[in-house]
Amino acid sequence: MKVLIQESKLKSFIDYNLSDRIEIVDSWEGAPQKVRYMFGSKQQFNHLLNNYGPMFFFISPNFESENYLVQHRKNDVGEWYWDIKDYWNNPIDEATVMDSLGLNFGIPVGKLIKHYVED
């Protein structure tokens, strides 16, 4: 799968440049070291990647410790949801992620990703 973040879309949707704040993670080798540390093993990482597709690493402009990994997943009853974890693997709500990016005006994480990323 080829995934692109379009920088022009990153600027035009909300007139805020996020090109240096969102990284697509689509392989263990290409994952930032911080992302790799969030998993118990390469096998666990690859299992999630193979079953649910790319992950998105959100990097806060304010605090280096405010980094979040987001992935669209299915729960036990087959419903899709956005799985969001912080560096310590704690579940995080969408509002916290958006606040850390300075986008606290009601844009859901899924809409932000869908708008900026195309297959």
C-alpha atoms as a PDB file:
ATOM      1  CA  MET A   1       0.000   0.000   0.000  1.00  0.00           C
ATOM      2  CA  LYS A   2       1.310   3.400  -0.919  1.00  0.00           C
ATOM      3  CA  VAL A   3       0.262   6.089   1.517  1.00  0.00           C
ATOM      4  CA  LEU A   4       0.924   9.762   0.967  1.00  0.00           C
ATOM      5  CA  ILE A   5       0.424  12.784   3.139  1.00  0.00           C
ATOM      6  CA  GLN A   6      -0.271  15.727   0.901  1.00  0.00           C
ATOM      7  CA  GLU A   7       1.431  18.774   2.315  1.00  0.00           C
ATOM      8  CA  SER A   8      -0.876  21.119   0.397  1.00  0.00           C
ATOM      9  CA  LYS A   9      -3.862  19.486   2.105  1.00  0.00           C
ATOM     10  CA  LEU A  10      -2.131  19.761   5.454  1.00  0.00           C
ATOM     11  CA  LYS A  11      -2.030  23.492   5.027  1.00  0.00           C
ATOM     12  CA  SER A  12      -5.353  24.162   3.306  1.00  0.00           C
ATOM     13  CA  PHE A  13      -7.850  22.201   5.443  1.00  0.00           C
ATOM     14  CA  ILE A  14      -7.347  24.232   8.592  1.00  0.00           C
ATOM     15  CA  ASP A  15      -4.704  26.727   7.496  1.00  0.00           C
ATOM     16  CA  TYR A  16      -2.246  25.091   9.881  1.00  0.00           C
ATOM     17  CA  ASN A  17       0.819  23.195   8.730  1.00  0.00           C
ATOM     18  CA  LEU A  18       0.911  19.697  10.214  1.00  0.00           C
ATOM     19  CA  SER A  19       3.433  18.173   7.807  1.00  0.00           C
ATOM     20  CA  ASP A  20       6.026  17.925  10.584  1.00  0.00           C
ATOM     21  CA  ARG A  21       3.490  16.781  13.212  1.00  0.00           C
ATOM     22  CA  ILE A  22       2.046  13.591  11.647  1.00  0.00           C
ATOM     23  CA  GLU A  23       4.148  10.673  10.465  1.00  0.00           C
ATOM     24  CA  ILE A  24       2.735   7.600   8.757  1.00  0.00           C
ATOM     25  CA  VAL A  25       4.151   4.408  10.229  1.00  0.00           C
ATOM     26  CA  ASP A  26       3.917   1.544   7.763  1.00  0.00           C
ATOM     27  CA  SER A  27       6.921  -0.626   8.637  1.00  0.00           C
ATOM     28  CA  TRP A  28       8.997  -1.599  11.659  1.00  0.00           C
ATOM     29  CA  GLU A  29      12.161  -0.437   9.953  1.00  0.00           C
ATOM     30  CA  GLY A  30      10.686   2.960   9.076  1.00  0.00           C
ATOM     31  CA  ALA A  31       9.087   3.524  12.472  1.00  0.00           C
ATOM     32  CA  PRO A  32      10.586   6.184  14.728  1.00  0.00           C
ATOM     33  CA  GLN A  33      12.443   4.687  17.677  1.00  0.00           C
ATOM     34  CA  LYS A  34       9.816   6.055  20.069  1.00  0.00           C
ATOM     35  CA  VAL A  35       7.156   4.066  18.230  1.00  0.00           C
ATOM     36  CA  ARG A  36       9.173   0.850  18.395  1.00  0.00           C
ATOM     37  CA  TYR A  37       9.541   1.243  22.165  1.00  0.00           C
ATOM     38  CA  MET A  38       5.737   1.269  22.477  1.00  0.00           C
ATOM     39  CA  PHE A  39       5.545  -2.416  21.481  1.00  0.00           C
ATOM     40  CA  GLY A  40       6.640  -5.522  23.312  1.00  0.00           C
ATOM     41  CA  SER A  41       8.054  -7.005  20.133  1.00  0.00           C
ATOM     42  CA  LYS A  42       8.437  -6.555  16.404  1.00  0.00           C
ATOM     43  CA  GLN A  43       5.940  -9.400  15.957  1.00  0.00           C
ATOM     44  CA  GLN A  44       3.270  -7.540  17.944  1.00  0.00           C
ATOM     45  CA  PHE A  45       3.863  -4.412  15.876  1.00  0.00           C
ATOM     46  CA  ASN A  46       3.698  -6.326  12.585  1.00  0.00           C
ATOM     47  CA  HIS A  47       0.544  -8.174  13.661  1.00  0.00           C
ATOM     48  CA  LEU A  48      -1.285  -4.867  14.225  1.00  0.00           C
ATOM     49  CA  LEU A  49       0.123  -3.356  11.049  1.00  0.00           C
ATOM     50  CA  ASN A  50      -0.847  -6.359   8.922  1.00  0.00           C
ATOM     51  CA  ASN A  51      -4.354  -6.610  10.393  1.00  0.00           C
ATOM     52  CA  TYR A  52      -5.334  -2.942  10.559  1.00  0.00           C
ATOM     53  CA  GLY A  53      -3.094  -0.979   8.210  1.00  0.00           C
ATOM     54  CA  PRO A  54      -0.837   2.009   8.803  1.00  0.00           C
ATOM     55  CA  MET A  55      -0.413   3.801  12.098  1.00  0.00           C
ATOM     56  CA  PHE A  56      -0.102   7.537  12.511  1.00  0.00           C
ATOM     57  CA  PHE A  57       2.429   9.073  14.894  1.00  0.00           C
ATOM     58  CA  PHE A  58       1.261  12.478  16.141  1.00  0.00           C
ATOM     59  CA  ILE A  59       4.035  14.706  17.472  1.00  0.00           C
ATOM     60  CA  SER A  60       3.081  17.578  19.743  1.00  0.00           C
ATOM     61  CA  PRO A  61       4.743  20.935  19.049  1.00  0.00           C
ATOM     62  CA  ASN A  62       4.637  21.757  22.764  1.00  0.00           C
ATOM     63  CA  PHE A  63       6.038  18.798  24.642  1.00  0.00           C
ATOM     64  CA  GLU A  64       8.211  16.031  23.279  1.00  0.00           C
ATOM     65  CA  SER A  65       6.570  13.645  25.725  1.00  0.00           C
ATOM     66  CA  GLU A  66       3.162  14.329  24.164  1.00  0.00           C
ATOM     67  CA  ASN A  67       3.435  11.920  21.252  1.00  0.00           C
ATOM     68  CA  TYR A  68       0.562   9.648  20.281  1.00  0.00           C
ATOM     69  CA  LEU A  69       0.185   6.602  18.087  1.00  0.00           C
ATOM     70  CA  VAL A  70      -3.154   6.279  16.304  1.00  0.00           C
ATOM     71  CA  GLN A  71      -4.523   3.316  14.343  1.00  0.00           C
ATOM     72  CA  HIS A  72      -7.964   2.460  12.988  1.00  0.00           C
ATOM     73  CA  ARG A  73      -8.917  -0.936  14.489  1.00  0.00           C
ATOM     74  CA  LYS A  74     -11.876  -3.256  14.988  1.00  0.00           C
ATOM     75  CA  ASN A  75     -13.105  -4.193  18.447  1.00  0.00           C
ATOM     76  CA  ASP A  76     -14.390  -7.606  19.536  1.00  0.00           C
ATOM     77  CA  VAL A  77     -17.849  -7.007  18.064  1.00  0.00           C
ATOM     78  CA  GLY A  78     -16.514  -5.832  14.707  1.00  0.00           C
ATOM     79  CA  GLU A  79     -16.935  -2.077  15.166  1.00  0.00           C
ATOM     80  CA  TRP A  80     -14.181   0.212  13.919  1.00  0.00           C
ATOM     81  CA  TYR A  81     -12.623   2.728  16.289  1.00  0.00           C
ATOM     82  CA  TRP A  82      -9.509   4.893  16.546  1.00  0.00           C
ATOM     83  CA  ASP A  83      -7.037   3.289  18.951  1.00  0.00           C
ATOM     84  CA  ILE A  84      -4.933   6.057  20.484  1.00  0.00           C
ATOM     85  CA  LYS A  85      -2.052   5.396  22.860  1.00  0.00           C
ATOM     86  CA  ASP A  86       0.594   7.572  24.433  1.00  0.00           C
ATOM     87  CA  TYR A  87       4.265   6.663  24.807  1.00  0.00           C
ATOM     88  CA  TRP A  88       3.516   4.617  27.930  1.00  0.00           C
ATOM     89  CA  ASN A  89       0.778   2.693  26.082  1.00  0.00           C
ATOM     90  CA  ASN A  90      -2.053   4.383  27.984  1.00  0.00           C
ATOM     91  CA  PRO A  91      -5.326   4.888  26.100  1.00  0.00           C
ATOM     92  CA  ILE A  92      -5.878   8.537  25.185  1.00  0.00           C
ATOM     93  CA  ASP A  93      -9.024  10.300  24.016  1.00  0.00           C
ATOM     94  CA  GLU A  94      -9.183  12.185  20.713  1.00  0.00           C
ATOM     95  CA  ALA A  95      -9.578  15.579  22.370  1.00  0.00           C
ATOM     96  CA  THR A  96      -6.241  15.198  24.161  1.00  0.00           C
ATOM     97  CA  VAL A  97      -4.451  14.479  20.887  1.00  0.00           C
ATOM     98  CA  MET A  98      -6.051  17.401  19.110  1.00  0.00           C
ATOM     99  CA  ASP A  99      -5.333  19.738  22.024  1.00  0.00           C
ATOM    100  CA  SER A 100      -1.661  18.751  21.957  1.00  0.00           C
ATOM    101  CA  LEU A 101      -1.525  19.699  18.271  1.00  0.00           C
ATOM    102  CA  GLY A 102      -3.219  23.023  18.951  1.00  0.00           C
ATOM    103  CA  LEU A 103      -6.348  21.897  17.082  1.00  0.00           C
ATOM    104  CA  ASN A 104      -8.855  22.032  19.901  1.00  0.00           C
ATOM    105  CA  PHE A 105     -11.784  23.173  17.786  1.00  0.00           C
ATOM    106  CA  GLY A 106     -13.692  19.932  17.352  1.00  0.00           C
ATOM    107  CA  ILE A 107     -12.015  18.159  14.445  1.00  0.00           C
ATOM    108  CA  PRO A 108     -12.034  14.392  15.116  1.00  0.00           C
ATOM    109  CA  VAL A 109      -8.771  12.475  14.629  1.00  0.00           C
ATOM    110  CA  GLY A 110     -10.353  10.288  11.944  1.00  0.00           C
ATOM    111  CA  LYS A 111     -11.429  13.275   9.857  1.00  0.00           C
ATOM    112  CA  LEU A 112      -7.979  14.809  10.137  1.00  0.00           C
ATOM    113  CA  ILE A 113      -6.318  11.588   8.971  1.00  0.00           C
ATOM    114  CA  LYS A 114      -8.822  10.904   6.189  1.00  0.00           C
ATOM    115  CA  HIS A 115      -8.451  14.438   4.861  1.00  0.00           C
ATOM    116  CA  TYR A 116      -4.674  14.382   4.758  1.00  0.00           C
ATOM    117  CA  VAL A 117      -3.933  10.857   3.708  1.00  0.00           C
ATOM    118  CA  GLU A 118      -4.759   9.187   0.433  1.00  0.00           C
ATOM    119  CA  ASP A 119      -4.072   5.650  -0.713  1.00  0.00           C
END
